[in-house]
Amino acid sequence: QVQLVESGGGLVQAGGSLRLSCAASGRTISILGMGWFRQAPGKEREFVAAVRWSPSFTYYADSVKGRFTISRDNAKNTVYLQMNSLKPEDTAVYYCAASDRTRWYTNPKSILPYTYWGQGTQVTVSS
């Protein structure tokens, strides 16, 4: 089992920045990749960014490419999401997720391969 705890959400004005953190604990040696998803009210959960554990490789949704950066600290078992140039449409609950399934390698942007989820952290961007 893997436990995920997110932190770093909050309220920010449009154009501002926030950094989310996701700390993994438990059987972290089994993690193949981790990702961030978000869900706005009345909408489906959508992919934001993901990172392959080893070797490192990153994936981004088109809507955040160039503004968001995902990174990981293997020693701390922590993944970060640096969010810059935030827009009101980025407002959502952001969820951290981890996968120990090899099918993650073929579709890291899908919800399906992710095995573990955090509780979510609210990000609100005011206009």
Foldseek 3Di string as FASTA:
>chain_A
DKAKAKDWADEEAAQAKIKMKIFIDDPLVLWQKKFKWWDDPPDDIFGAKMWGDPPTDIDGDPVQPPFWDWDDDVVRNMIMIIGGRDDQVVWTWMKMFTASDPCCVVPVGDPPRTDDIYPTDTHGYHD
